[in-house]
């Protein structure tokens, strides 16, 4: 955003729960979701700027639960924790997992606790972010394993359709510049940013 010339004073940022932010971005102008997995189903719903980074949406299980997923149909045998409107939830539903086996929540902290205590057997979420929440909740990442990969994709800024193309083009130009600008610790400023967070 700095590279694009955005000012946070002119455009204030507000953090919202994903479900609320997702709905607001679908319905209201000048809203953006950061960061959002770009999928075929979501493509027509938003205007896009990016890509920002690669992403992997997975099913995590606690190691001592002995969960086995060999085919997508196996997922339906286990209660799956999801965040409402998150790509993990959308992907699980697209695989035909019955609603009765999907256990939605409004936040990741509660799902970490449910997965740890066995109230859900699987958690459908972006792997890096899930592992950050596991650590944040003072648990050991080594106690949890990826048992299935739902999708590998890329993260983007997802803007409401009522957002001006000029604004989106301005941000896209900044993203492109960051990817070309020499970094201080790696070959590009983009890789400097990624190394700080991923």
N, C-alpha and C. Protein backbone atom coordinates (compact mmCIF):
# COMPACT_ATOMS: atom_id res chain seq x y z
N UNK A 1 0.83 -1.20 0.00
CA UNK A 1 0.00 0.00 0.00
C UNK A 1 0.87 1.25 0.00
N UNK A 2 1.98 1.19 0.75
CA UNK A 2 2.89 2.34 0.78
C UNK A 2 3.45 2.59 -0.63
N UNK A 3 3.83 1.52 -1.32
CA UNK A 3 4.38 1.64 -2.67
C UNK A 3 3.33 2.21 -3.63
N UNK A 4 2.06 1.97 -3.35
CA UNK A 4 0.97 2.45 -4.20
C UNK A 4 0.59 3.89 -3.92
N UNK A 5 1.09 4.45 -2.81
CA UNK A 5 0.75 5.81 -2.44
C UNK A 5 -0.53 5.94 -1.64
N UNK A 6 -0.99 4.84 -1.05
CA UNK A 6 -2.18 4.90 -0.20
C UNK A 6 -1.83 5.53 1.14
N UNK A 7 -2.77 6.24 1.69
CA UNK A 7 -2.61 6.80 3.02
C UNK A 7 -3.67 6.19 3.93
N UNK A 8 -3.25 5.63 5.06
CA UNK A 8 -4.22 5.05 5.99
C UNK A 8 -5.08 6.14 6.63
N UNK A 9 -4.62 7.41 6.59
CA UNK A 9 -5.43 8.50 7.13
C UNK A 9 -6.63 8.77 6.22
N UNK A 10 -6.40 8.64 4.90
CA UNK A 10 -7.49 8.86 3.95
C UNK A 10 -8.43 7.67 3.89
N UNK A 11 -7.90 6.48 4.06
CA UNK A 11 -8.68 5.25 3.94
C UNK A 11 -8.46 4.41 5.19
N UNK A 12 -9.26 4.61 6.22
CA UNK A 12 -9.04 3.88 7.46
C UNK A 12 -9.28 2.38 7.30
N UNK A 13 -8.48 1.59 8.02
CA UNK A 13 -8.62 0.15 8.02
C UNK A 13 -9.45 -0.28 9.22
N UNK A 14 -10.26 -1.31 9.01
CA UNK A 14 -11.06 -1.84 10.11
C UNK A 14 -11.05 -3.35 9.99
N UNK A 15 -10.69 -4.02 11.08
CA UNK A 15 -10.72 -5.48 11.09
C UNK A 15 -12.11 -5.95 11.47
N UNK A 16 -12.60 -6.92 10.69
CA UNK A 16 -13.92 -7.50 10.95
C UNK A 16 -13.78 -9.02 10.95
N UNK A 17 -14.66 -9.73 11.64
CA UNK A 17 -14.69 -11.19 11.49
C UNK A 17 -14.91 -11.52 10.01
N UNK A 18 -14.34 -12.63 9.57
CA UNK A 18 -14.38 -12.94 8.14
C UNK A 18 -15.79 -12.92 7.57
N UNK A 19 -16.74 -13.56 8.23
CA UNK A 19 -18.10 -13.62 7.69
C UNK A 19 -18.69 -12.24 7.47
N UNK A 20 -18.52 -11.37 8.45
CA UNK A 20 -19.06 -10.01 8.35
C UNK A 20 -18.33 -9.21 7.26
N UNK A 21 -17.00 -9.33 7.23
CA UNK A 21 -16.22 -8.64 6.21
C UNK A 21 -16.52 -9.14 4.81
N UNK A 22 -16.71 -10.44 4.69
CA UNK A 22 -17.01 -11.06 3.40
C UNK A 22 -18.34 -10.52 2.87
N UNK A 23 -19.34 -10.51 3.72
CA UNK A 23 -20.66 -10.00 3.30
C UNK A 23 -20.60 -8.51 2.95
N UNK A 24 -19.87 -7.73 3.77
CA UNK A 24 -19.77 -6.30 3.48
C UNK A 24 -19.07 -6.06 2.15
N UNK A 25 -18.05 -6.85 1.85
CA UNK A 25 -17.33 -6.68 0.59
C UNK A 25 -18.20 -7.10 -0.60
N UNK A 26 -19.08 -8.04 -0.40
CA UNK A 26 -20.00 -8.44 -1.46
C UNK A 26 -21.03 -7.33 -1.75
N UNK A 27 -21.41 -6.58 -0.72
CA UNK A 27 -22.56 -5.68 -0.83
C UNK A 27 -22.23 -4.19 -0.90
N UNK A 28 -21.10 -3.76 -0.34
CA UNK A 28 -20.84 -2.33 -0.19
C UNK A 28 -19.63 -1.88 -1.00
N UNK A 29 -19.61 -0.61 -1.44
CA UNK A 29 -18.45 -0.12 -2.19
C UNK A 29 -17.24 0.10 -1.29
N UNK A 30 -16.07 0.14 -1.93
CA UNK A 30 -14.81 0.48 -1.25
C UNK A 30 -14.50 -0.40 -0.05
N UNK A 31 -14.81 -1.68 -0.16
CA UNK A 31 -14.41 -2.66 0.85
C UNK A 31 -13.44 -3.63 0.20
N UNK A 32 -12.52 -4.16 1.01
CA UNK A 32 -11.54 -5.11 0.50
C UNK A 32 -11.29 -6.18 1.55
N UNK A 33 -11.11 -7.40 1.09
CA UNK A 33 -10.72 -8.50 1.96
C UNK A 33 -9.24 -8.76 1.75
N UNK A 34 -8.50 -8.83 2.84
CA UNK A 34 -7.07 -9.12 2.78
C UNK A 34 -6.79 -10.23 3.77
N UNK A 35 -6.24 -11.29 3.35
CA UNK A 35 -5.98 -11.72 1.99
C UNK A 35 -6.98 -12.83 1.67
N UNK A 36 -7.30 -12.98 0.39
CA UNK A 36 -8.37 -13.88 -0.02
C UNK A 36 -7.87 -14.85 -1.08
N UNK A 37 -8.23 -16.12 -0.91
CA UNK A 37 -7.88 -17.13 -1.92
C UNK A 37 -8.78 -16.92 -3.14
N UNK A 38 -8.15 -16.82 -4.29
CA UNK A 38 -8.90 -16.62 -5.54
C UNK A 38 -9.29 -17.99 -6.09
N UNK A 39 -10.58 -18.22 -6.19
CA UNK A 39 -11.09 -19.49 -6.70
C UNK A 39 -12.05 -19.21 -7.86
N UNK A 40 -12.35 -20.25 -8.61
CA UNK A 40 -13.28 -20.13 -9.74
C UNK A 40 -14.64 -19.63 -9.26
N UNK A 41 -15.08 -20.13 -8.10
CA UNK A 41 -16.39 -19.74 -7.57
C UNK A 41 -16.42 -18.28 -7.14
N UNK A 42 -15.31 -17.79 -6.61
CA UNK A 42 -15.25 -16.41 -6.12
C UNK A 42 -14.93 -15.40 -7.23
N UNK A 43 -14.38 -15.87 -8.33
CA UNK A 43 -13.90 -14.98 -9.40
C UNK A 43 -14.89 -13.89 -9.77
N UNK A 44 -16.16 -14.22 -10.05
CA UNK A 44 -17.08 -13.16 -10.48
C UNK A 44 -17.62 -12.29 -9.34
N UNK A 45 -17.32 -12.63 -8.10
CA UNK A 45 -17.89 -11.91 -6.96
C UNK A 45 -17.12 -10.65 -6.59
N UNK A 46 -15.85 -10.58 -6.99
CA UNK A 46 -14.98 -9.50 -6.54
C UNK A 46 -14.17 -8.96 -7.72
N UNK A 47 -13.51 -7.82 -7.49
CA UNK A 47 -12.44 -7.33 -8.34
C UNK A 47 -11.14 -7.68 -7.61
N UNK A 48 -10.08 -8.01 -8.35
CA UNK A 48 -8.90 -8.61 -7.74
C UNK A 48 -7.64 -7.78 -7.97
N UNK A 49 -6.73 -7.80 -6.98
CA UNK A 49 -5.38 -7.26 -7.14
C UNK A 49 -4.42 -8.26 -6.51
N UNK A 50 -3.36 -8.56 -7.22
CA UNK A 50 -2.40 -9.54 -6.71
C UNK A 50 -1.70 -10.24 -7.86
N UNK A 51 -1.19 -11.42 -7.63
CA UNK A 51 -1.25 -12.18 -6.38
C UNK A 51 -0.29 -11.64 -5.33
N UNK A 52 -0.62 -11.95 -4.07
CA UNK A 52 0.19 -11.52 -2.93
C UNK A 52 1.14 -12.64 -2.53
N UNK A 53 0.62 -13.86 -2.41
CA UNK A 53 1.44 -15.00 -1.97
C UNK A 53 0.74 -16.30 -2.35
N UNK A 54 1.49 -17.37 -2.32
CA UNK A 54 0.91 -18.70 -2.53
C UNK A 54 0.23 -19.13 -1.24
N UNK A 55 -0.76 -20.01 -1.39
CA UNK A 55 -1.50 -20.49 -0.22
C UNK A 55 -1.83 -21.96 -0.39
N UNK A 56 -1.97 -22.64 0.73
CA UNK A 56 -2.37 -24.05 0.71
C UNK A 56 -3.45 -24.24 1.76
N UNK A 57 -4.65 -24.63 1.31
CA UNK A 57 -5.76 -24.86 2.22
C UNK A 57 -5.79 -26.36 2.50
N UNK A 58 -5.75 -26.70 3.78
CA UNK A 58 -5.57 -28.10 4.17
C UNK A 58 -6.59 -28.52 5.21
N UNK A 59 -6.60 -29.82 5.47
CA UNK A 59 -7.29 -30.37 6.63
C UNK A 59 -6.23 -30.77 7.63
N UNK A 60 -6.30 -30.16 8.82
CA UNK A 60 -5.38 -30.50 9.91
C UNK A 60 -6.10 -31.42 10.89
N UNK A 61 -5.34 -32.35 11.46
CA UNK A 61 -5.87 -33.24 12.49
C UNK A 61 -4.85 -33.34 13.62
N UNK A 62 -5.34 -33.62 14.81
CA UNK A 62 -4.43 -33.88 15.93
C UNK A 62 -3.84 -35.27 15.73
N UNK A 63 -2.54 -35.39 15.92
CA UNK A 63 -1.85 -36.64 15.62
C UNK A 63 -2.45 -37.85 16.34
N UNK A 64 -2.85 -37.68 17.60
CA UNK A 64 -3.33 -38.84 18.36
C UNK A 64 -4.77 -39.23 18.03
N UNK A 65 -5.41 -38.54 17.08
CA UNK A 65 -6.77 -38.89 16.68
C UNK A 65 -6.83 -39.98 15.61
N UNK A 66 -5.67 -40.30 15.00
CA UNK A 66 -5.58 -41.36 14.00
C UNK A 66 -6.60 -41.20 12.87
N UNK A 67 -6.70 -39.99 12.34
CA UNK A 67 -7.61 -39.71 11.22
C UNK A 67 -6.93 -40.15 9.92
N UNK A 68 -7.69 -40.82 9.07
CA UNK A 68 -7.17 -41.28 7.77
C UNK A 68 -8.07 -40.73 6.66
N UNK A 69 -7.48 -39.93 5.76
CA UNK A 69 -8.21 -39.40 4.61
C UNK A 69 -7.47 -39.88 3.36
N UNK A 70 -8.07 -40.81 2.64
CA UNK A 70 -7.48 -41.31 1.39
C UNK A 70 -8.21 -40.75 0.17
N UNK A 71 -9.49 -40.45 0.34
CA UNK A 71 -10.28 -39.90 -0.76
C UNK A 71 -11.15 -38.76 -0.21
N UNK A 72 -11.65 -37.88 -1.06
CA UNK A 72 -12.53 -36.81 -0.56
C UNK A 72 -13.75 -37.35 0.20
N UNK A 73 -14.23 -38.52 -0.17
CA UNK A 73 -15.39 -39.10 0.50
C UNK A 73 -15.11 -39.41 1.96
N UNK A 74 -13.83 -39.70 2.29
CA UNK A 74 -13.46 -40.02 3.68
C UNK A 74 -13.66 -38.83 4.61
N UNK A 75 -13.62 -37.62 4.07
CA UNK A 75 -13.77 -36.42 4.90
C UNK A 75 -15.11 -36.42 5.62
N UNK A 76 -16.13 -36.93 4.96
CA UNK A 76 -17.49 -36.92 5.51
C UNK A 76 -17.64 -37.81 6.74
N UNK A 77 -16.64 -38.60 7.05
CA UNK A 77 -16.69 -39.48 8.23
C UNK A 77 -16.35 -38.74 9.53
N UNK A 78 -15.83 -37.52 9.40
CA UNK A 78 -15.30 -36.81 10.55
C UNK A 78 -15.94 -35.42 10.69
N UNK A 79 -16.17 -34.96 11.93
CA UNK A 79 -16.60 -33.57 12.11
C UNK A 79 -15.48 -32.61 11.69
N UNK A 80 -15.84 -31.63 10.85
CA UNK A 80 -14.85 -30.71 10.29
C UNK A 80 -15.13 -29.30 10.81
N UNK A 81 -14.16 -28.71 11.49
CA UNK A 81 -14.27 -27.32 11.94
C UNK A 81 -13.93 -26.37 10.80
N UNK A 82 -14.74 -25.33 10.65
CA UNK A 82 -14.51 -24.33 9.60
C UNK A 82 -14.80 -22.93 10.14
N UNK A 83 -14.29 -21.95 9.43
CA UNK A 83 -14.67 -20.55 9.68
C UNK A 83 -15.75 -20.21 8.67
N UNK A 84 -16.85 -19.61 9.14
CA UNK A 84 -17.96 -19.27 8.25
C UNK A 84 -17.48 -18.43 7.07
N UNK A 85 -17.86 -18.84 5.85
CA UNK A 85 -17.56 -18.16 4.60
C UNK A 85 -16.10 -18.25 4.17
N UNK A 86 -15.26 -18.91 4.95
CA UNK A 86 -13.85 -19.07 4.59
C UNK A 86 -13.74 -20.07 3.43
N UNK A 87 -12.65 -19.97 2.67
CA UNK A 87 -12.45 -20.87 1.54
C UNK A 87 -12.40 -22.33 2.00
N UNK A 88 -11.88 -22.61 3.19
CA UNK A 88 -11.87 -23.98 3.70
C UNK A 88 -13.28 -24.55 3.79
N UNK A 89 -14.20 -23.77 4.33
CA UNK A 89 -15.59 -24.20 4.42
C UNK A 89 -16.19 -24.39 3.03
N UNK A 90 -15.92 -23.46 2.12
CA UNK A 90 -16.45 -23.56 0.77
C UNK A 90 -15.93 -24.81 0.05
N UNK A 91 -14.66 -25.12 0.24
CA UNK A 91 -14.08 -26.29 -0.42
C UNK A 91 -14.63 -27.60 0.13
N UNK A 92 -14.82 -27.66 1.45
CA UNK A 92 -15.38 -28.86 2.08
C UNK A 92 -16.81 -29.08 1.59
N UNK A 93 -17.59 -28.01 1.53
CA UNK A 93 -18.96 -28.13 1.03
C UNK A 93 -18.97 -28.59 -0.43
N UNK A 94 -18.04 -28.05 -1.23
CA UNK A 94 -17.98 -28.43 -2.65
C UNK A 94 -17.65 -29.91 -2.83
N UNK A 95 -16.98 -30.52 -1.85
CA UNK A 95 -16.67 -31.94 -1.92
C UNK A 95 -17.83 -32.81 -1.47
N UNK A 96 -18.93 -32.19 -1.08
CA UNK A 96 -20.12 -32.94 -0.72
C UNK A 96 -20.20 -33.38 0.73
N UNK A 97 -19.37 -32.79 1.59
CA UNK A 97 -19.45 -33.12 3.02
C UNK A 97 -20.80 -32.63 3.54
N UNK A 98 -21.58 -33.49 4.21
CA UNK A 98 -22.91 -33.08 4.69
C UNK A 98 -22.82 -31.94 5.70
N UNK A 99 -23.82 -31.06 5.65
CA UNK A 99 -23.88 -29.92 6.59
C UNK A 99 -23.77 -30.38 8.04
N UNK A 100 -24.33 -31.56 8.34
CA UNK A 100 -24.31 -32.06 9.73
C UNK A 100 -22.90 -32.36 10.22
N UNK A 101 -21.94 -32.55 9.30
CA UNK A 101 -20.55 -32.84 9.69
C UNK A 101 -19.67 -31.60 9.66
N UNK A 102 -20.22 -30.47 9.22
CA UNK A 102 -19.46 -29.21 9.18
C UNK A 102 -19.82 -28.40 10.42
N UNK A 103 -18.80 -28.04 11.19
CA UNK A 103 -18.98 -27.32 12.45
C UNK A 103 -18.39 -25.92 12.34
N UNK A 104 -19.20 -24.96 11.87
CA UNK A 104 -18.66 -23.62 11.65
C UNK A 104 -18.45 -22.84 12.95
N UNK A 105 -17.50 -21.94 12.87
CA UNK A 105 -17.20 -21.05 13.99
C UNK A 105 -16.90 -19.68 13.42
N UNK A 106 -16.94 -18.67 14.27
CA UNK A 106 -16.65 -17.32 13.78
C UNK A 106 -15.18 -16.94 13.95
N UNK A 107 -14.40 -17.76 14.69
CA UNK A 107 -12.99 -17.40 14.85
C UNK A 107 -12.09 -18.61 14.98
N UNK A 108 -10.84 -18.43 14.59
CA UNK A 108 -9.86 -19.51 14.53
C UNK A 108 -9.44 -19.98 15.92
N UNK A 109 -9.38 -19.08 16.90
CA UNK A 109 -8.97 -19.48 18.25
C UNK A 109 -9.88 -20.57 18.80
N UNK A 110 -11.19 -20.42 18.59
CA UNK A 110 -12.12 -21.43 19.10
C UNK A 110 -11.93 -22.76 18.38
N UNK A 111 -11.58 -22.72 17.09
CA UNK A 111 -11.37 -23.96 16.35
C UNK A 111 -10.10 -24.68 16.77
N UNK A 112 -9.06 -23.93 17.10
CA UNK A 112 -7.84 -24.56 17.63
C UNK A 112 -8.19 -25.35 18.89
N UNK A 113 -8.96 -24.72 19.77
CA UNK A 113 -9.34 -25.38 21.03
C UNK A 113 -10.21 -26.61 20.77
N UNK A 114 -11.15 -26.49 19.83
CA UNK A 114 -12.02 -27.64 19.50
C UNK A 114 -11.21 -28.79 18.91
N UNK A 115 -10.26 -28.47 18.04
CA UNK A 115 -9.42 -29.51 17.44
C UNK A 115 -8.55 -30.17 18.51
N UNK A 116 -8.01 -29.38 19.40
CA UNK A 116 -7.14 -29.90 20.45
C UNK A 116 -7.88 -30.80 21.43
N UNK A 117 -9.15 -30.46 21.72
CA UNK A 117 -9.91 -31.23 22.71
C UNK A 117 -10.77 -32.33 22.08
N UNK A 118 -10.73 -32.46 20.74
CA UNK A 118 -11.47 -33.52 20.08
C UNK A 118 -12.92 -33.21 19.78
N UNK A 119 -13.33 -31.95 19.93
CA UNK A 119 -14.72 -31.60 19.60
C UNK A 119 -14.93 -31.53 18.08
N UNK A 120 -13.83 -31.38 17.32
CA UNK A 120 -13.82 -31.62 15.88
C UNK A 120 -12.58 -32.47 15.60
N UNK A 121 -12.66 -33.29 14.55
CA UNK A 121 -11.51 -34.14 14.19
C UNK A 121 -10.63 -33.50 13.14
N UNK A 122 -11.19 -32.58 12.36
CA UNK A 122 -10.47 -31.92 11.28
C UNK A 122 -10.72 -30.42 11.34
N UNK A 123 -9.75 -29.66 10.83
CA UNK A 123 -9.90 -28.22 10.70
C UNK A 123 -9.53 -27.86 9.28
N UNK A 124 -10.45 -27.27 8.52
CA UNK A 124 -10.21 -26.84 7.14
C UNK A 124 -9.79 -25.37 7.16
N UNK A 125 -8.49 -25.12 6.82
CA UNK A 125 -7.99 -23.75 6.92
C UNK A 125 -6.68 -23.62 6.15
N UNK A 126 -6.24 -22.39 5.96
CA UNK A 126 -4.95 -22.14 5.33
C UNK A 126 -3.84 -22.59 6.29
N UNK A 127 -2.90 -23.39 5.78
CA UNK A 127 -1.94 -24.05 6.67
C UNK A 127 -1.08 -23.09 7.48
N UNK A 128 -0.46 -22.09 6.85
CA UNK A 128 0.42 -21.18 7.59
C UNK A 128 -0.33 -20.42 8.67
N UNK A 129 -1.54 -19.98 8.36
CA UNK A 129 -2.34 -19.21 9.33
C UNK A 129 -2.80 -20.13 10.46
N UNK A 130 -3.21 -21.35 10.11
CA UNK A 130 -3.63 -22.31 11.14
C UNK A 130 -2.48 -22.56 12.11
N UNK A 131 -1.29 -22.74 11.59
CA UNK A 131 -0.14 -23.03 12.47
C UNK A 131 0.21 -21.82 13.34
N UNK A 132 -0.02 -20.62 12.81
CA UNK A 132 0.18 -19.41 13.62
C UNK A 132 -0.80 -19.40 14.79
N UNK A 133 -2.08 -19.76 14.53
CA UNK A 133 -3.08 -19.79 15.60
C UNK A 133 -2.79 -20.90 16.61
N UNK A 134 -2.29 -22.03 16.15
CA UNK A 134 -1.91 -23.12 17.07
C UNK A 134 -0.84 -22.61 18.04
N UNK A 135 0.18 -21.97 17.50
CA UNK A 135 1.27 -21.43 18.34
C UNK A 135 0.73 -20.35 19.27
N UNK A 136 -0.12 -19.47 18.75
CA UNK A 136 -0.70 -18.38 19.56
C UNK A 136 -1.46 -18.93 20.76
N UNK A 137 -2.05 -20.13 20.60
CA UNK A 137 -2.80 -20.74 21.69
C UNK A 137 -1.94 -21.65 22.57
N UNK A 138 -0.62 -21.43 22.51
CA UNK A 138 0.34 -22.15 23.36
C UNK A 138 0.29 -23.66 23.20
N UNK A 139 0.06 -24.10 21.96
CA UNK A 139 0.09 -25.52 21.63
C UNK A 139 1.28 -25.79 20.72
N UNK A 140 1.65 -27.06 20.59
CA UNK A 140 2.78 -27.45 19.77
C UNK A 140 2.32 -27.82 18.37
N UNK A 141 2.88 -27.16 17.36
CA UNK A 141 2.53 -27.49 15.98
C UNK A 141 2.86 -28.93 15.64
N UNK A 142 3.86 -29.49 16.29
CA UNK A 142 4.24 -30.89 16.02
C UNK A 142 3.15 -31.88 16.44
N UNK A 143 2.17 -31.43 17.22
CA UNK A 143 1.05 -32.30 17.63
C UNK A 143 -0.06 -32.37 16.58
N UNK A 144 0.07 -31.60 15.49
CA UNK A 144 -0.97 -31.52 14.47
C UNK A 144 -0.35 -31.75 13.09
N UNK A 145 -1.06 -32.50 12.26
CA UNK A 145 -0.54 -32.83 10.92
C UNK A 145 -1.58 -32.53 9.84
N UNK A 146 -1.06 -32.23 8.66
CA UNK A 146 -1.91 -32.10 7.48
C UNK A 146 -2.27 -33.51 7.03
N UNK A 147 -3.57 -33.80 6.95
CA UNK A 147 -4.01 -35.12 6.50
C UNK A 147 -4.59 -35.08 5.09
N UNK A 148 -4.83 -33.86 4.58
CA UNK A 148 -5.37 -33.75 3.22
C UNK A 148 -5.19 -32.31 2.76
N UNK A 149 -4.80 -32.14 1.49
CA UNK A 149 -4.72 -30.80 0.90
C UNK A 149 -5.96 -30.56 0.06
N UNK A 150 -6.72 -29.53 0.43
CA UNK A 150 -7.95 -29.20 -0.28
C UNK A 150 -7.67 -28.41 -1.56
N UNK A 151 -6.71 -27.48 -1.48
CA UNK A 151 -6.41 -26.64 -2.65
C UNK A 151 -5.10 -25.89 -2.45
N UNK A 152 -4.34 -25.80 -3.52
CA UNK A 152 -3.19 -24.91 -3.57
C UNK A 152 -3.57 -23.78 -4.52
N UNK A 153 -3.35 -22.56 -4.10
CA UNK A 153 -3.80 -21.41 -4.89
C UNK A 153 -2.93 -20.20 -4.56
N UNK A 154 -3.46 -19.01 -4.86
CA UNK A 154 -2.77 -17.77 -4.56
C UNK A 154 -3.71 -16.83 -3.82
N UNK A 155 -3.11 -16.01 -2.96
CA UNK A 155 -3.86 -15.00 -2.20
C UNK A 155 -3.86 -13.68 -2.95
N UNK A 156 -5.00 -12.99 -2.88
CA UNK A 156 -5.19 -11.70 -3.54
C UNK A 156 -5.89 -10.74 -2.59
N UNK A 157 -5.88 -9.46 -2.93
CA UNK A 157 -6.83 -8.51 -2.36
C UNK A 157 -8.13 -8.72 -3.14
N UNK A 158 -9.24 -8.89 -2.44
CA UNK A 158 -10.55 -9.05 -3.09
C UNK A 158 -11.38 -7.80 -2.78
N UNK A 159 -11.64 -6.99 -3.81
CA UNK A 159 -12.37 -5.74 -3.65
C UNK A 159 -13.84 -5.94 -4.00
N UNK A 160 -14.69 -5.13 -3.37
CA UNK A 160 -16.10 -5.13 -3.75
C UNK A 160 -16.22 -4.71 -5.21
N UNK A 161 -17.23 -5.24 -5.89
CA UNK A 161 -17.43 -4.94 -7.31
C UNK A 161 -17.71 -3.46 -7.53
N UNK A 162 -18.17 -2.74 -6.48
CA UNK A 162 -18.51 -1.33 -6.60
C UNK A 162 -17.29 -0.42 -6.34
N UNK A 163 -16.10 -1.00 -6.25
CA UNK A 163 -14.88 -0.23 -6.04
C UNK A 163 -14.36 0.25 -7.39
N UNK A 164 -13.83 1.47 -7.42
CA UNK A 164 -13.37 2.03 -8.69
C UNK A 164 -12.17 1.26 -9.23
N UNK A 165 -12.16 1.08 -10.54
CA UNK A 165 -11.04 0.40 -11.19
C UNK A 165 -9.74 1.17 -10.99
N UNK A 166 -9.81 2.50 -10.90
CA UNK A 166 -8.60 3.30 -10.69
C UNK A 166 -7.91 2.94 -9.38
N UNK A 167 -8.69 2.77 -8.33
CA UNK A 167 -8.13 2.42 -7.03
C UNK A 167 -7.46 1.04 -7.09
N UNK A 168 -8.14 0.09 -7.71
CA UNK A 168 -7.59 -1.27 -7.82
C UNK A 168 -6.33 -1.27 -8.68
N UNK A 169 -6.34 -0.54 -9.77
CA UNK A 169 -5.16 -0.44 -10.64
C UNK A 169 -4.00 0.20 -9.91
N UNK A 170 -4.28 1.17 -9.04
CA UNK A 170 -3.24 1.83 -8.25
C UNK A 170 -2.58 0.81 -7.31
N UNK A 171 -3.38 -0.01 -6.65
CA UNK A 171 -2.82 -1.02 -5.75
C UNK A 171 -2.06 -2.09 -6.54
N UNK A 172 -2.61 -2.50 -7.69
CA UNK A 172 -1.93 -3.50 -8.51
C UNK A 172 -0.56 -2.99 -8.94
N UNK A 173 -0.48 -1.72 -9.30
CA UNK A 173 0.80 -1.13 -9.69
C UNK A 173 1.79 -1.19 -8.52
N UNK A 174 1.31 -0.93 -7.31
CA UNK A 174 2.18 -1.02 -6.13
C UNK A 174 2.67 -2.44 -5.88
N UNK A 175 1.78 -3.43 -6.05
CA UNK A 175 2.17 -4.84 -5.89
C UNK A 175 3.26 -5.19 -6.90
N UNK A 176 3.03 -4.79 -8.14
CA UNK A 176 4.01 -5.09 -9.20
C UNK A 176 5.35 -4.42 -8.91
N UNK A 177 5.33 -3.18 -8.41
CA UNK A 177 6.57 -2.46 -8.08
C UNK A 177 7.34 -3.14 -6.95
N UNK A 178 6.61 -3.59 -5.91
CA UNK A 178 7.25 -4.27 -4.77
C UNK A 178 7.96 -5.53 -5.25
N UNK A 179 7.39 -6.19 -6.24
CA UNK A 179 7.98 -7.43 -6.76
C UNK A 179 9.23 -7.16 -7.60
N UNK A 180 9.41 -5.90 -8.08
CA UNK A 180 10.57 -5.55 -8.90
C UNK A 180 11.65 -4.80 -8.11
N UNK A 181 11.27 -4.18 -6.98
CA UNK A 181 12.19 -3.33 -6.22
C UNK A 181 13.18 -4.19 -5.44
N UNK A 182 14.44 -3.81 -5.47
CA UNK A 182 15.50 -4.54 -4.75
C UNK A 182 15.22 -4.52 -3.26
N UNK A 183 15.36 -5.67 -2.63
CA UNK A 183 15.13 -5.78 -1.19
C UNK A 183 16.36 -5.49 -0.38
N UNK A 184 16.19 -5.41 0.94
CA UNK A 184 17.32 -5.18 1.84
C UNK A 184 17.93 -6.49 2.32
N UNK A 185 17.10 -7.55 2.42
CA UNK A 185 17.63 -8.83 2.90
C UNK A 185 17.52 -9.95 1.85
N UNK A 186 16.77 -9.72 0.79
CA UNK A 186 16.67 -10.71 -0.28
C UNK A 186 16.64 -9.98 -1.62
N UNK A 187 16.36 -10.73 -2.69
CA UNK A 187 16.45 -10.13 -4.02
C UNK A 187 15.41 -9.06 -4.31
N UNK A 188 14.23 -9.14 -3.65
CA UNK A 188 13.19 -8.13 -3.87
C UNK A 188 12.55 -7.70 -2.55
N UNK A 189 11.95 -6.52 -2.59
CA UNK A 189 11.19 -6.04 -1.42
C UNK A 189 10.04 -6.99 -1.12
N UNK A 190 9.43 -7.54 -2.16
CA UNK A 190 8.35 -8.52 -2.00
C UNK A 190 8.83 -9.71 -1.15
N UNK A 191 9.98 -10.27 -1.48
CA UNK A 191 10.49 -11.41 -0.71
C UNK A 191 10.90 -11.00 0.69
N UNK A 192 11.34 -9.77 0.89
CA UNK A 192 11.60 -9.26 2.25
C UNK A 192 10.32 -9.33 3.08
N UNK A 193 9.22 -8.86 2.50
CA UNK A 193 7.93 -8.84 3.20
C UNK A 193 7.48 -10.28 3.52
N UNK A 194 7.57 -11.16 2.52
CA UNK A 194 7.15 -12.55 2.75
C UNK A 194 7.97 -13.20 3.85
N UNK A 195 9.28 -12.96 3.86
CA UNK A 195 10.14 -13.61 4.86
C UNK A 195 9.81 -13.14 6.28
N UNK A 196 9.23 -11.96 6.40
CA UNK A 196 8.87 -11.47 7.72
C UNK A 196 7.62 -12.16 8.26
N UNK A 197 6.75 -12.62 7.37
CA UNK A 197 5.45 -13.15 7.82
C UNK A 197 5.26 -14.65 7.57
N UNK A 198 5.96 -15.22 6.60
CA UNK A 198 5.74 -16.63 6.26
C UNK A 198 6.99 -17.46 6.51
